[in-house]
Amino acid sequence: MKATAIAPSNIAFIKYWGKKDEDLKIPENGSISMNLSNLLTTTTVEFDPKYEKDLITVNSKSNDQEESRIIKHLDFIRKKANIFLKAKVVSNNNFPDGTGLSSSASGFAALTLAATKATGLNLSEKELSILARQGSGSACRSIPDGFVEWVGEGAKSLYPPGYWNIVDVVAIISQEKKETSSTDGQKFASTSPFFQTRLNNINEKILRLKKALEVKNFTEFGRIIENEALELHAIMLTSTPSLIYWQPETIKLMKLVKKWKSEGLEVFFTVNTGQDIHLIIEEKNTKELVKKLKDIKEVKKIIINRPSVGARLTEKHLF
């Protein structure tokens, strides 16, 4: 009873912040994202009578807080499959975790697919998405392919990976883990005086983004996602307690993006709950952007992502 899954992280263009239901991880608002080809988690799960307790290894180490979240999710799957066996879980990311690159999204998507297959459950994509959400909200978006929308319980694909030749270039400025996790940070969302205003306007913004995506209007698309990232962080900055995820290097890159735009290179930024920045650009301009980033000493690593398929099984087990 062993299975291995690979799942991508995703970048949310319209982001969710705040939950209607904390336990079920039902978001206050819908979101739209793109799965990323080179930010991946691989997870192997084996249920076997030889295990007296659940054995969890993430990125070659143990983490009590992470272990408890994973075991809670395994318990949920065990109950669904009506089995009582303990499991061994080995999970590896090919990118830094805890820096705002949505490692929990890829992690719980991979865990959900691997664990359900290992128990013999054969769930539909919709059922997998709903189940992954209960491990980590944004994990539901890493189950379907390509460009994805999440509303309510689960997520669905809007367009396949090959729909649009846009690229997400991740500029890693630091691998330092953030002080406040996204899970904890979202609990403070409603304390911002601007949070309700955001909710009042979010559906109209989603419609505008979906239209820009439909007609492949990159300029309009980019303006919306950049504004959305700044709005999200405005909510964080004005919550109680305030959440400051950016570092000076983050702001430097934001300013450079505006400068490059004024010089004719159409590139837009978006930032999750962390310091590392996602730069969205059309495929044809990727080389020029990467060349500029390589000249910036604060950029420690560059990861180029194209739209990706969602979670999938592999025969290459980690143990």
Protein backbone atom coordinates (compact mmCIF):
# COMPACT_ATOMS: atom_id res chain seq x y z
CA MET A 1 0.00 0.00 0.00
CA LYS A 2 2.48 2.55 -1.28
CA ALA A 3 2.03 5.47 -3.70
CA THR A 4 4.01 8.53 -4.75
CA ALA A 5 2.68 11.80 -6.10
CA ILE A 6 4.20 14.97 -7.52
CA ALA A 7 2.30 18.24 -7.12
CA PRO A 8 3.11 21.80 -8.18
CA SER A 9 3.01 24.90 -6.08
CA ASN A 10 0.75 27.60 -7.50
CA ILE A 11 0.83 31.36 -7.73
CA ALA A 12 -2.46 33.06 -6.94
CA PHE A 13 -3.25 35.99 -9.24
CA ILE A 14 -6.34 36.79 -7.18
CA LYS A 15 -5.50 35.70 -3.65
CA TYR A 16 -7.63 34.46 -0.80
CA TRP A 17 -7.10 35.95 2.64
CA GLY A 18 -9.35 35.13 5.54
CA LYS A 19 -11.59 32.14 6.13
CA LYS A 20 -15.32 31.82 6.61
CA ASP A 21 -14.71 28.51 8.35
CA GLU A 22 -11.34 27.96 10.01
CA ASP A 23 -11.72 24.20 10.52
CA LEU A 24 -12.95 23.44 6.99
CA LYS A 25 -10.70 26.11 5.42
CA ILE A 26 -13.52 27.70 3.44
CA PRO A 27 -12.21 31.03 2.11
CA GLU A 28 -13.82 34.43 2.47
CA ASN A 29 -13.35 35.00 -1.26
CA GLY A 30 -12.65 33.10 -4.45
CA SER A 31 -9.20 33.02 -6.06
CA ILE A 32 -7.51 32.38 -9.40
CA SER A 33 -4.09 30.80 -9.78
CA MET A 34 -1.60 29.14 -12.09
CA ASN A 35 0.26 25.93 -11.34
CA LEU A 36 4.05 26.22 -11.58
CA SER A 37 6.22 23.79 -13.51
CA ASN A 38 9.41 24.03 -11.43
CA LEU A 39 8.17 24.44 -7.85
CA LEU A 40 7.36 20.84 -7.00
CA THR A 41 6.78 18.57 -4.02
CA THR A 42 7.25 14.81 -4.30
CA THR A 43 5.64 12.68 -1.57
CA THR A 44 5.66 8.94 -0.96
CA VAL A 45 3.12 7.42 1.44
CA GLU A 46 3.05 3.81 2.61
CA PHE A 47 0.48 2.27 4.95
CA ASP A 48 1.76 -0.95 6.51
CA PRO A 49 1.18 -3.02 9.68
CA LYS A 50 4.94 -2.88 10.40
CA TYR A 51 4.66 0.79 11.38
CA GLU A 52 3.77 1.22 15.05
CA LYS A 53 3.34 4.97 14.62
CA ASP A 54 3.27 7.47 11.77
CA LEU A 55 6.77 8.30 10.56
CA ILE A 56 7.04 11.71 8.90
CA THR A 57 10.08 13.18 7.16
CA VAL A 58 9.83 16.48 5.28
CA ASN A 59 12.88 17.75 3.43
CA SER A 60 15.09 15.25 5.28
CA LYS A 61 14.11 16.46 8.75
CA SER A 62 11.39 16.32 11.38
CA ASN A 63 9.21 19.26 12.35
CA ASP A 64 6.70 18.77 15.16
CA GLN A 65 4.24 21.40 13.92
CA GLU A 66 4.37 20.12 10.34
CA GLU A 67 4.11 16.51 11.54
CA SER A 68 0.92 17.22 13.48
CA ARG A 69 -0.71 18.80 10.40
CA ILE A 70 0.28 15.84 8.22
CA ILE A 71 -0.91 13.24 10.76
CA LYS A 72 -4.22 15.08 11.13
CA HIS A 73 -4.65 14.88 7.35
CA LEU A 74 -3.69 11.20 7.31
CA ASP A 75 -6.29 10.54 10.01
CA PHE A 76 -8.90 12.22 7.86
CA ILE A 77 -7.96 10.02 4.87
CA ARG A 78 -7.78 6.88 7.03
CA LYS A 79 -11.31 7.55 8.27
CA LYS A 80 -12.52 8.06 4.70
CA ALA A 81 -10.88 4.80 3.57
CA ASN A 82 -11.91 2.94 6.74
CA ILE A 83 -8.39 1.74 7.50
CA PHE A 84 -6.41 1.98 10.72
CA LEU A 85 -2.82 1.36 9.61
CA LYS A 86 0.01 3.73 10.46
CA ALA A 87 1.99 5.27 7.64
CA LYS A 88 5.47 6.31 6.59
CA VAL A 89 5.58 9.63 4.74
CA VAL A 90 8.64 11.07 3.01
CA SER A 91 8.20 14.41 1.28
CA ASN A 92 10.73 16.60 -0.54
CA ASN A 93 10.44 20.05 -2.11
CA ASN A 94 12.75 21.23 -4.88
CA PHE A 95 12.38 24.82 -3.58
CA PRO A 96 12.64 26.65 -0.23
CA ASP A 97 9.71 26.21 2.14
CA GLY A 98 8.32 28.82 4.51
CA THR A 99 9.39 31.79 2.36
CA GLY A 100 6.10 32.56 0.63
CA LEU A 101 6.35 30.14 -2.30
CA SER A 102 3.28 28.12 -1.26
CA SER A 103 5.06 24.93 -0.23
CA SER A 104 2.01 23.88 1.80
CA ALA A 105 -0.09 23.97 -1.39
CA SER A 106 2.15 21.55 -3.28
CA GLY A 107 2.85 19.57 -0.11
CA PHE A 108 -0.75 18.81 0.83
CA ALA A 109 -1.80 18.26 -2.78
CA ALA A 110 0.93 15.63 -3.18
CA LEU A 111 0.13 14.12 0.23
CA THR A 112 -3.59 13.91 -0.59
CA LEU A 113 -3.09 12.16 -3.93
CA ALA A 114 -0.40 9.77 -2.66
CA ALA A 115 -2.23 8.87 0.56
CA THR A 116 -5.61 8.29 -1.09
CA LYS A 117 -4.03 6.06 -3.76
CA ALA A 118 -2.06 4.15 -1.09
CA THR A 119 -5.30 3.41 0.78
CA GLY A 120 -7.02 2.24 -2.40
CA LEU A 121 -9.37 5.20 -2.68
CA ASN A 122 -10.06 6.29 -6.27
CA LEU A 123 -11.33 9.84 -5.99
CA SER A 124 -12.35 12.24 -8.74
CA GLU A 125 -10.39 15.43 -9.33
CA LYS A 126 -13.14 17.40 -7.59
CA GLU A 127 -13.09 15.07 -4.57
CA LEU A 128 -9.27 15.27 -4.38
CA SER A 129 -9.40 19.07 -4.52
CA ILE A 130 -11.95 19.24 -1.71
CA LEU A 131 -9.88 16.82 0.38
CA ALA A 132 -6.59 18.66 -0.25
CA ARG A 133 -8.23 21.92 0.85
CA GLN A 134 -8.78 20.46 4.30
CA GLY A 135 -5.02 20.03 4.68
CA SER A 136 -4.10 23.46 3.35
CA GLY A 137 -6.55 25.80 1.65
CA SER A 138 -4.43 26.65 -1.39
CA ALA A 139 -3.58 22.95 -1.92
CA CYS A 140 -6.97 22.53 -3.60
CA ARG A 141 -5.66 24.68 -6.48
CA SER A 142 -2.66 22.38 -7.03
CA ILE A 143 -4.84 19.38 -7.92
CA PRO A 144 -6.33 20.52 -11.30
CA ASP A 145 -4.21 21.47 -14.35
CA GLY A 146 -3.03 24.85 -15.57
CA PHE A 147 -5.02 27.99 -14.76
CA VAL A 148 -7.35 27.28 -11.84
CA GLU A 149 -10.27 28.91 -10.03
CA TRP A 150 -11.21 28.12 -6.43
CA VAL A 151 -14.67 28.98 -5.21
CA GLY A 152 -16.05 27.50 -1.99
CA GLU A 153 -15.24 23.84 -1.40
CA GLY A 154 -12.90 23.01 -4.26
CA ALA A 155 -11.04 24.20 -7.33
CA LYS A 156 -11.39 23.52 -11.05
CA SER A 157 -9.30 24.13 -14.13
CA LEU A 158 -10.24 27.16 -16.24
CA TYR A 159 -7.65 26.55 -18.98
CA PRO A 160 -5.00 23.88 -19.64
CA PRO A 161 -1.27 24.63 -19.17
CA GLY A 162 -0.67 25.32 -22.87
CA TYR A 163 -3.44 27.92 -23.09
CA TRP A 164 -1.21 31.00 -22.73
CA ASN A 165 2.55 31.48 -23.10
CA ILE A 166 3.18 33.43 -19.92
CA VAL A 167 6.01 32.72 -17.52
CA ASP A 168 6.41 33.08 -13.77
CA VAL A 169 10.00 33.97 -12.88
CA VAL A 170 10.62 33.55 -9.15
CA ALA A 171 13.36 35.74 -7.70
CA ILE A 172 14.54 34.26 -4.40
CA ILE A 173 16.10 36.95 -2.25
CA SER A 174 16.26 34.99 1.00
CA GLN A 175 15.56 31.47 2.27
CA GLU A 176 14.79 32.80 5.75
CA LYS A 177 11.50 31.39 7.04
CA LYS A 178 8.74 33.89 7.74
CA GLU A 179 7.90 34.66 11.37
CA THR A 180 4.13 34.23 10.98
CA SER A 181 2.71 31.40 8.88
CA SER A 182 -0.04 32.09 6.36
CA THR A 183 -2.36 29.89 8.43
CA ASP A 184 -1.84 32.06 11.51
CA GLY A 185 -1.73 35.33 9.60
CA GLN A 186 -5.14 34.81 8.05
CA LYS A 187 -6.73 34.74 11.48
CA PHE A 188 -6.05 38.49 11.74
CA ALA A 189 -7.50 39.43 8.33
CA SER A 190 -10.77 40.82 9.64
CA THR A 191 -8.96 43.19 12.01
CA SER A 192 -7.84 45.36 9.10
CA PRO A 193 -10.15 48.38 8.65
CA PHE A 194 -9.95 47.79 4.89
CA PHE A 195 -10.85 44.09 4.88
CA GLN A 196 -14.58 44.53 4.29
CA THR A 197 -13.91 46.97 1.45
CA ARG A 198 -11.73 44.31 -0.16
CA LEU A 199 -14.50 41.73 0.10
CA ASN A 200 -17.05 44.17 -1.32
CA ASN A 201 -14.94 44.63 -4.47
CA ILE A 202 -13.30 41.23 -4.93
CA ASN A 203 -15.92 39.57 -7.16
CA GLU A 204 -15.79 42.40 -9.68
CA LYS A 205 -12.00 42.11 -9.72
CA ILE A 206 -12.22 38.36 -10.32
CA LEU A 207 -14.53 38.95 -13.29
CA ARG A 208 -12.09 41.49 -14.76
CA LEU A 209 -9.18 39.09 -14.37
CA LYS A 210 -11.12 36.22 -15.92
CA LYS A 211 -11.95 38.43 -18.91
CA ALA A 212 -8.30 39.45 -19.33
CA LEU A 213 -7.35 35.77 -19.13
CA GLU A 214 -10.02 34.80 -21.66
CA VAL A 215 -8.85 37.32 -24.29
CA LYS A 216 -5.15 37.06 -23.28
CA ASN A 217 -4.84 40.79 -22.59
CA PHE A 218 -1.47 40.71 -20.86
CA THR A 219 -1.36 44.41 -19.98
CA GLU A 220 -4.74 44.38 -18.24
CA PHE A 221 -3.97 41.02 -16.65
CA GLY A 222 -0.69 42.30 -15.24
CA ARG A 223 -2.14 45.50 -13.87
CA ILE A 224 -4.82 43.59 -12.00
CA ILE A 225 -2.46 41.04 -10.42
CA GLU A 226 0.04 43.70 -9.36
CA ASN A 227 -2.68 45.80 -7.76
CA GLU A 228 -4.07 42.68 -6.09
CA ALA A 229 -0.71 41.83 -4.50
CA LEU A 230 -0.37 45.35 -3.09
CA GLU A 231 -3.94 45.31 -1.82
CA LEU A 232 -3.41 41.99 -0.08
CA HIS A 233 -0.33 43.28 1.71
CA ALA A 234 -2.18 46.47 2.64
CA ILE A 235 -4.64 44.27 4.54
CA MET A 236 -1.74 42.48 6.25
CA LEU A 237 0.07 45.71 7.11
CA THR A 238 -3.06 47.17 8.72
CA SER A 239 -4.23 44.10 10.61
CA THR A 240 -3.73 43.69 14.37
CA PRO A 241 -1.05 42.58 14.86
CA SER A 242 0.44 43.91 11.65
CA LEU A 243 2.15 41.45 9.30
CA ILE A 244 5.22 42.64 7.44
CA TYR A 245 6.38 39.87 5.10
CA TRP A 246 8.49 42.00 2.76
CA GLN A 247 12.19 42.59 3.13
CA PRO A 248 14.11 45.60 1.73
CA GLU A 249 15.15 43.48 -1.26
CA THR A 250 11.48 42.75 -2.02
CA ILE A 251 10.72 46.45 -2.28
CA LYS A 252 13.84 47.06 -4.37
CA LEU A 253 12.63 44.50 -6.92
CA MET A 254 9.14 46.01 -6.97
CA LYS A 255 10.64 49.41 -7.79
CA LEU A 256 12.86 47.88 -10.47
CA VAL A 257 9.81 46.23 -12.07
CA LYS A 258 8.16 49.64 -12.36
CA LYS A 259 11.36 51.07 -13.85
CA TRP A 260 11.69 48.23 -16.37
CA LYS A 261 8.06 48.76 -17.39
CA SER A 262 8.69 52.44 -18.03
CA GLU A 263 11.64 51.42 -20.22
CA GLY A 264 9.50 49.12 -22.35
CA LEU A 265 9.85 45.68 -20.71
CA GLU A 266 6.32 44.61 -19.80
CA VAL A 267 6.69 42.69 -16.56
CA PHE A 268 4.48 42.61 -13.47
CA PHE A 269 5.10 41.45 -9.92
CA THR A 270 3.03 39.53 -7.43
CA VAL A 271 3.98 38.49 -3.89
CA ASN A 272 2.50 35.90 -1.56
CA THR A 273 2.95 35.82 2.21
CA GLY A 274 6.72 36.01 2.13
CA GLN A 275 9.66 37.96 0.82
CA ASP A 276 10.36 36.19 -2.46
CA ILE A 277 8.81 37.77 -5.52
CA HIS A 278 7.06 36.34 -8.57
CA LEU A 279 7.60 38.20 -11.84
CA ILE A 280 5.01 37.53 -14.53
CA ILE A 281 6.12 38.05 -18.13
CA GLU A 282 5.32 36.88 -21.64
CA GLU A 283 7.45 33.98 -22.88
CA LYS A 284 9.10 36.09 -25.59
CA ASN A 285 10.60 38.49 -23.01
CA THR A 286 11.80 35.93 -20.47
CA LYS A 287 15.48 35.97 -21.47
CA GLU A 288 15.69 39.75 -21.17
CA LEU A 289 14.17 39.65 -17.68
CA VAL A 290 16.44 36.83 -16.48
CA LYS A 291 19.47 38.74 -17.77
CA LYS A 292 18.46 41.76 -15.69
CA LEU A 293 17.86 39.65 -12.59
CA LYS A 294 21.28 38.02 -12.86
CA ASP A 295 22.86 41.47 -12.51
CA ILE A 296 21.14 42.08 -9.15
CA LYS A 297 23.28 40.87 -6.26
CA GLU A 298 20.29 40.57 -3.91
CA VAL A 299 18.73 37.87 -6.11
CA LYS A 300 20.12 34.60 -4.77
CA LYS A 301 18.34 32.24 -7.16
CA ILE A 302 16.05 32.39 -10.19
CA ILE A 303 13.40 29.75 -10.91
CA ILE A 304 11.59 29.87 -14.25
CA ASN A 305 8.08 28.42 -14.26
CA ARG A 306 5.61 27.81 -17.04
CA PRO A 307 1.95 26.84 -16.56
CA SER A 308 1.88 23.27 -15.29
CA VAL A 309 -0.29 20.21 -14.95
CA GLY A 310 -1.59 19.58 -11.47
CA ALA A 311 -0.95 16.71 -9.06
CA ARG A 312 -0.04 13.38 -10.67
CA LEU A 313 1.23 9.94 -9.70
CA THR A 314 4.74 8.63 -10.35
CA GLU A 315 6.41 5.25 -9.97
CA LYS A 316 9.61 6.82 -8.61
CA HIS A 317 9.16 6.26 -4.90
CA LEU A 318 11.28 8.11 -2.32
CA PHE A 319 11.80 4.94 -0.26
